Amino acid sequence: MPQLKLPENIFDDLCRFISKNYPNYLPNSLLIAQAFILKYQNHGKKCGISAINKAIEDGIKRGLF
């Protein structure tokens, strides 16, 4: 299965989105991905929900969020 990676500008927007909207508690990564795509529809079209969800899950595992 190929590695899904977000472009840096989209990942930066994702980090800002999570910091602003979920400062104390992170819900399920898929819910975050859906909310992000609703706000940034072009990012969702470019990368897709799977890549965004994977980036969130990886960020959580690495302690970024």
PDB file of N, CA and C in Angstrom:
ATOM      1  N   MET A   1       0.851  -1.180   0.000  1.00  0.00           N
ATOM      2  CA  MET A   1       0.000   0.000   0.000  1.00  0.00           C
ATOM      3  C   MET A   1       0.893   1.239   0.000  1.00  0.00           C
ATOM      4  N   PRO A   2       0.650   2.217  -0.886  1.00  0.00           N
ATOM      5  CA  PRO A   2       1.508   3.395  -0.962  1.00  0.00           C
ATOM      6  C   PRO A   2       1.366   4.302   0.255  1.00  0.00           C
ATOM      7  N   GLN A   3       2.460   4.980   0.583  1.00  0.00           N
ATOM      8  CA  GLN A   3       2.449   5.933   1.692  1.00  0.00           C
ATOM      9  C   GLN A   3       1.663   7.171   1.279  1.00  0.00           C
ATOM     10  N   LEU A   4       0.726   7.591   2.103  1.00  0.00           N
ATOM     11  CA  LEU A   4      -0.055   8.787   1.833  1.00  0.00           C
ATOM     12  C   LEU A   4       0.599   9.951   2.567  1.00  0.00           C
ATOM     13  N   LYS A   5       0.963  10.979   1.833  1.00  0.00           N
ATOM     14  CA  LYS A   5       1.633  12.124   2.432  1.00  0.00           C
ATOM     15  C   LYS A   5       0.982  13.404   1.942  1.00  0.00           C
ATOM     16  N   LEU A   6       0.788  14.332   2.879  1.00  0.00           N
ATOM     17  CA  LEU A   6       0.189  15.613   2.533  1.00  0.00           C
ATOM     18  C   LEU A   6       1.267  16.608   2.126  1.00  0.00           C
ATOM     19  N   PRO A   7       0.948  17.495   1.179  1.00  0.00           N
ATOM     20  CA  PRO A   7       1.859  18.603   0.880  1.00  0.00           C
ATOM     21  C   PRO A   7       2.031  19.475   2.134  1.00  0.00           C
ATOM     22  N   GLU A   8       3.161  20.117   2.238  1.00  0.00           N
ATOM     23  CA  GLU A   8       3.489  20.889   3.438  1.00  0.00           C
ATOM     24  C   GLU A   8       2.465  21.979   3.748  1.00  0.00           C
ATOM     25  N   ASN A   9       1.987  22.687   2.729  1.00  0.00           N
ATOM     26  CA  ASN A   9       1.020  23.765   2.987  1.00  0.00           C
ATOM     27  C   ASN A   9      -0.295  23.220   3.535  1.00  0.00           C
ATOM     28  N   ILE A  10      -0.720  22.059   3.071  1.00  0.00           N
ATOM     29  CA  ILE A  10      -1.957  21.464   3.578  1.00  0.00           C
ATOM     30  C   ILE A  10      -1.742  20.955   4.995  1.00  0.00           C
ATOM     31  N   PHE A  11      -0.589  20.349   5.257  1.00  0.00           N
ATOM     32  CA  PHE A  11      -0.294  19.877   6.609  1.00  0.00           C
ATOM     33  C   PHE A  11      -0.238  21.048   7.586  1.00  0.00           C
ATOM     34  N   ASP A  12       0.335  22.175   7.176  1.00  0.00           N
ATOM     35  CA  ASP A  12       0.376  23.369   8.029  1.00  0.00           C
ATOM     36  C   ASP A  12      -1.035  23.862   8.335  1.00  0.00           C
ATOM     37  N   ASP A  13      -1.905  23.898   7.325  1.00  0.00           N
ATOM     38  CA  ASP A  13      -3.298  24.298   7.554  1.00  0.00           C
ATOM     39  C   ASP A  13      -3.987  23.321   8.500  1.00  0.00           C
ATOM     40  N   LEU A  14      -3.699  22.048   8.348  1.00  0.00           N
ATOM     41  CA  LEU A  14      -4.289  21.033   9.219  1.00  0.00           C
ATOM     42  C   LEU A  14      -3.842  21.235  10.663  1.00  0.00           C
ATOM     43  N   CYS A  15      -2.572  21.493  10.869  1.00  0.00           N
ATOM     44  CA  CYS A  15      -2.062  21.729  12.228  1.00  0.00           C
ATOM     45  C   CYS A  15      -2.723  22.949  12.865  1.00  0.00           C
ATOM     46  N   ARG A  16      -2.828  24.027  12.099  1.00  0.00           N
ATOM     47  CA  ARG A  16      -3.496  25.231  12.611  1.00  0.00           C
ATOM     48  C   ARG A  16      -4.964  24.959  12.918  1.00  0.00           C
ATOM     49  N   PHE A  17      -5.627  24.220  12.042  1.00  0.00           N
ATOM     50  CA  PHE A  17      -7.036  23.887  12.226  1.00  0.00           C
ATOM     51  C   PHE A  17      -7.234  23.096  13.517  1.00  0.00           C
ATOM     52  N   ILE A  18      -6.397  22.112  13.739  1.00  0.00           N
ATOM     53  CA  ILE A  18      -6.527  21.279  14.947  1.00  0.00           C
ATOM     54  C   ILE A  18      -6.227  22.106  16.198  1.00  0.00           C
ATOM     55  N   SER A  19      -5.176  22.908  16.166  1.00  0.00           N
ATOM     56  CA  SER A  19      -4.824  23.735  17.322  1.00  0.00           C
ATOM     57  C   SER A  19      -5.941  24.708  17.686  1.00  0.00           C
ATOM     58  N   LYS A  20      -6.553  25.284  16.674  1.00  0.00           N
ATOM     59  CA  LYS A  20      -7.609  26.280  16.905  1.00  0.00           C
ATOM     60  C   LYS A  20      -8.912  25.630  17.370  1.00  0.00           C
ATOM     61  N   ASN A  21      -9.288  24.516  16.749  1.00  0.00           N
ATOM     62  CA  ASN A  21     -10.603  23.943  17.013  1.00  0.00           C
ATOM     63  C   ASN A  21     -10.631  22.852  18.081  1.00  0.00           C
ATOM     64  N   TYR A  22      -9.488  22.275  18.394  1.00  0.00           N
ATOM     65  CA  TYR A  22      -9.447  21.185  19.371  1.00  0.00           C
ATOM     66  C   TYR A  22      -8.291  21.404  20.358  1.00  0.00           C
ATOM     67  N   PRO A  23      -8.332  22.501  21.135  1.00  0.00           N
ATOM     68  CA  PRO A  23      -7.200  22.790  22.022  1.00  0.00           C
ATOM     69  C   PRO A  23      -7.078  21.835  23.216  1.00  0.00           C
ATOM     70  N   ASN A  24      -8.178  21.253  23.649  1.00  0.00           N
ATOM     71  CA  ASN A  24      -8.139  20.431  24.861  1.00  0.00           C
ATOM     72  C   ASN A  24      -8.407  18.957  24.623  1.00  0.00           C
ATOM     73  N   TYR A  25      -9.151  18.641  23.600  1.00  0.00           N
ATOM     74  CA  TYR A  25      -9.604  17.267  23.407  1.00  0.00           C
ATOM     75  C   TYR A  25      -9.671  16.960  21.921  1.00  0.00           C
ATOM     76  N   LEU A  26      -9.083  15.848  21.519  1.00  0.00           N
ATOM     77  CA  LEU A  26      -9.157  15.420  20.122  1.00  0.00           C
ATOM     78  C   LEU A  26     -10.197  14.318  19.983  1.00  0.00           C
ATOM     79  N   PRO A  27     -11.221  14.570  19.178  1.00  0.00           N
ATOM     80  CA  PRO A  27     -12.163  13.492  18.893  1.00  0.00           C
ATOM     81  C   PRO A  27     -11.533  12.499  17.917  1.00  0.00           C
ATOM     82  N   ASN A  28     -12.288  11.587  17.440  1.00  0.00           N
ATOM     83  CA  ASN A  28     -11.826  10.608  16.467  1.00  0.00           C
ATOM     84  C   ASN A  28     -11.189  11.324  15.276  1.00  0.00           C
ATOM     85  N   SER A  29     -10.090  10.768  14.784  1.00  0.00           N
ATOM     86  CA  SER A  29      -9.356  11.406  13.691  1.00  0.00           C
ATOM     87  C   SER A  29     -10.211  11.568  12.435  1.00  0.00           C
ATOM     88  N   LEU A  30     -11.116  10.654  12.190  1.00  0.00           N
ATOM     89  CA  LEU A  30     -11.977  10.759  11.015  1.00  0.00           C
ATOM     90  C   LEU A  30     -12.929  11.947  11.139  1.00  0.00           C
ATOM     91  N   LEU A  31     -13.413  12.212  12.340  1.00  0.00           N
ATOM     92  CA  LEU A  31     -14.276  13.386  12.549  1.00  0.00           C
ATOM     93  C   LEU A  31     -13.499  14.676  12.312  1.00  0.00           C
ATOM     94  N   ILE A  32     -12.255  14.706  12.756  1.00  0.00           N
ATOM     95  CA  ILE A  32     -11.413  15.883  12.519  1.00  0.00           C
ATOM     96  C   ILE A  32     -11.186  16.059  11.021  1.00  0.00           C
ATOM     97  N   ALA A  33     -10.883  14.968  10.324  1.00  0.00           N
ATOM     98  CA  ALA A  33     -10.642  15.027   8.878  1.00  0.00           C
ATOM     99  C   ALA A  33     -11.874  15.541   8.141  1.00  0.00           C
ATOM    100  N   GLN A  34     -13.044  15.072   8.535  1.00  0.00           N
ATOM    101  CA  GLN A  34     -14.279  15.522   7.887  1.00  0.00           C
ATOM    102  C   GLN A  34     -14.505  17.007   8.110  1.00  0.00           C
ATOM    103  N   ALA A  35     -14.301  17.469   9.345  1.00  0.00           N
ATOM    104  CA  ALA A  35     -14.482  18.893   9.648  1.00  0.00           C
ATOM    105  C   ALA A  35     -13.469  19.742   8.876  1.00  0.00           C
ATOM    106  N   PHE A  36     -12.247  19.255   8.776  1.00  0.00           N
ATOM    107  CA  PHE A  36     -11.203  19.973   8.027  1.00  0.00           C
ATOM    108  C   PHE A  36     -11.584  20.095   6.557  1.00  0.00           C
ATOM    109  N   ILE A  37     -12.081  19.022   5.986  1.00  0.00           N
ATOM    110  CA  ILE A  37     -12.466  19.038   4.568  1.00  0.00           C
ATOM    111  C   ILE A  37     -13.668  19.947   4.335  1.00  0.00           C
ATOM    112  N   LEU A  38     -14.573  20.023   5.295  1.00  0.00           N
ATOM    113  CA  LEU A  38     -15.701  20.943   5.145  1.00  0.00           C
ATOM    114  C   LEU A  38     -15.223  22.389   5.114  1.00  0.00           C
ATOM    115  N   LYS A  39     -14.201  22.694   5.903  1.00  0.00           N
ATOM    116  CA  LYS A  39     -13.680  24.062   5.933  1.00  0.00           C
ATOM    117  C   LYS A  39     -12.756  24.339   4.745  1.00  0.00           C
ATOM    118  N   TYR A  40     -11.916  23.385   4.393  1.00  0.00           N
ATOM    119  CA  TYR A  40     -10.947  23.537   3.304  1.00  0.00           C
ATOM    120  C   TYR A  40     -11.286  22.545   2.192  1.00  0.00           C
ATOM    121  N   GLN A  41     -12.307  22.853   1.444  1.00  0.00           N
ATOM    122  CA  GLN A  41     -12.803  21.919   0.434  1.00  0.00           C
ATOM    123  C   GLN A  41     -11.780  21.647  -0.670  1.00  0.00           C
ATOM    124  N   ASN A  42     -10.987  22.630  -1.036  1.00  0.00           N
ATOM    125  CA  ASN A  42      -9.967  22.401  -2.070  1.00  0.00           C
ATOM    126  C   ASN A  42      -8.913  21.414  -1.600  1.00  0.00           C
ATOM    127  N   HIS A  43      -8.540  21.493  -0.331  1.00  0.00           N
ATOM    128  CA  HIS A  43      -7.579  20.534   0.212  1.00  0.00           C
ATOM    129  C   HIS A  43      -8.167  19.119   0.179  1.00  0.00           C
ATOM    130  N   GLY A  44      -9.438  19.027   0.490  1.00  0.00           N
ATOM    131  CA  GLY A  44     -10.100  17.727   0.459  1.00  0.00           C
ATOM    132  C   GLY A  44     -10.143  17.138  -0.937  1.00  0.00           C
ATOM    133  N   LYS A  45     -10.394  17.986  -1.918  1.00  0.00           N
ATOM    134  CA  LYS A  45     -10.417  17.513  -3.310  1.00  0.00           C
ATOM    135  C   LYS A  45      -9.026  17.083  -3.771  1.00  0.00           C
ATOM    136  N   LYS A  46      -8.013  17.809  -3.316  1.00  0.00           N
ATOM    137  CA  LYS A  46      -6.647  17.520  -3.757  1.00  0.00           C
ATOM    138  C   LYS A  46      -6.093  16.251  -3.113  1.00  0.00           C
ATOM    139  N   CYS A  47      -6.332  16.067  -1.821  1.00  0.00           N
ATOM    140  CA  CYS A  47      -5.690  14.963  -1.091  1.00  0.00           C
ATOM    141  C   CYS A  47      -6.628  13.816  -0.753  1.00  0.00           C
ATOM    142  N   GLY A  48      -7.871  14.117  -0.472  1.00  0.00           N
ATOM    143  CA  GLY A  48      -8.821  13.091  -0.079  1.00  0.00           C
ATOM    144  C   GLY A  48      -8.823  12.857   1.415  1.00  0.00           C
ATOM    145  N   ILE A  49      -9.920  12.311   1.880  1.00  0.00           N
ATOM    146  CA  ILE A  49     -10.106  12.114   3.318  1.00  0.00           C
ATOM    147  C   ILE A  49      -9.147  11.063   3.875  1.00  0.00           C
ATOM    148  N   SER A  50      -8.806  10.064   3.094  1.00  0.00           N
ATOM    149  CA  SER A  50      -7.903   9.013   3.583  1.00  0.00           C
ATOM    150  C   SER A  50      -6.531   9.567   3.941  1.00  0.00           C
ATOM    151  N   ALA A  51      -5.974  10.387   3.070  1.00  0.00           N
ATOM    152  CA  ALA A  51      -4.650  10.959   3.325  1.00  0.00           C
ATOM    153  C   ALA A  51      -4.681  11.913   4.508  1.00  0.00           C
ATOM    154  N   ILE A  52      -5.733  12.690   4.614  1.00  0.00           N
ATOM    155  CA  ILE A  52      -5.851  13.634   5.730  1.00  0.00           C
ATOM    156  C   ILE A  52      -6.026  12.880   7.032  1.00  0.00           C
ATOM    157  N   ASN A  53      -6.878  11.871   7.044  1.00  0.00           N
ATOM    158  CA  ASN A  53      -7.080  11.065   8.245  1.00  0.00           C
ATOM    159  C   ASN A  53      -5.777  10.383   8.664  1.00  0.00           C
ATOM    160  N   LYS A  54      -5.045   9.844   7.718  1.00  0.00           N
ATOM    161  CA  LYS A  54      -3.773   9.181   8.003  1.00  0.00           C
ATOM    162  C   LYS A  54      -2.771  10.168   8.598  1.00  0.00           C
ATOM    163  N   ALA A  55      -2.724  11.378   8.064  1.00  0.00           N
ATOM    164  CA  ALA A  55      -1.819  12.401   8.587  1.00  0.00           C
ATOM    165  C   ALA A  55      -2.175  12.755  10.030  1.00  0.00           C
ATOM    166  N   ILE A  56      -3.464  12.827  10.328  1.00  0.00           N
ATOM    167  CA  ILE A  56      -3.903  13.107  11.693  1.00  0.00           C
ATOM    168  C   ILE A  56      -3.492  11.969  12.621  1.00  0.00           C
ATOM    169  N   GLU A  57      -3.754  10.740  12.215  1.00  0.00           N
ATOM    170  CA  GLU A  57      -3.388   9.584  13.038  1.00  0.00           C
ATOM    171  C   GLU A  57      -1.881   9.532  13.275  1.00  0.00           C
ATOM    172  N   ASP A  58      -1.096   9.780  12.237  1.00  0.00           N
ATOM    173  CA  ASP A  58       0.365   9.799  12.379  1.00  0.00           C
ATOM    174  C   ASP A  58       0.809  10.932  13.300  1.00  0.00           C
ATOM    175  N   GLY A  59       0.185  12.093  13.169  1.00  0.00           N
ATOM    176  CA  GLY A  59       0.510  13.220  14.035  1.00  0.00           C
ATOM    177  C   GLY A  59       0.202  12.949  15.496  1.00  0.00           C
ATOM    178  N   ILE A  60      -0.898  12.258  15.742  1.00  0.00           N
ATOM    179  CA  ILE A  60      -1.254  11.884  17.112  1.00  0.00           C
ATOM    180  C   ILE A  60      -0.223  10.913  17.669  1.00  0.00           C
ATOM    181  N   LYS A  61       0.159   9.920  16.888  1.00  0.00           N
ATOM    182  CA  LYS A  61       1.159   8.935  17.332  1.00  0.00           C
ATOM    183  C   LYS A  61       2.492   9.587  17.626  1.00  0.00           C
ATOM    184  N   ARG A  62       2.854  10.618  16.840  1.00  0.00           N
ATOM    185  CA  ARG A  62       4.131  11.303  17.023  1.00  0.00           C
ATOM    186  C   ARG A  62       4.059  12.415  18.067  1.00  0.00           C
ATOM    187  N   GLY A  63       2.872  12.647  18.631  1.00  0.00           N
ATOM    188  CA  GLY A  63       2.713  13.659  19.667  1.00  0.00           C
ATOM    189  C   GLY A  63       2.633  15.081  19.160  1.00  0.00           C
ATOM    190  N   LEU A  64       2.270  15.249  17.891  1.00  0.00           N
ATOM    191  CA  LEU A  64       2.169  16.603  17.344  1.00  0.00           C
ATOM    192  C   LEU A  64       0.889  17.312  17.773  1.00  0.00           C
ATOM    193  N   PHE A  65      -0.145  16.553  18.033  1.00  0.00           N
ATOM    194  CA  PHE A  65      -1.437  17.151  18.394  1.00  0.00           C
ATOM    195  C   PHE A  65      -1.825  16.754  19.795  1.00  0.00           C
TER     196      PHE A  65
END
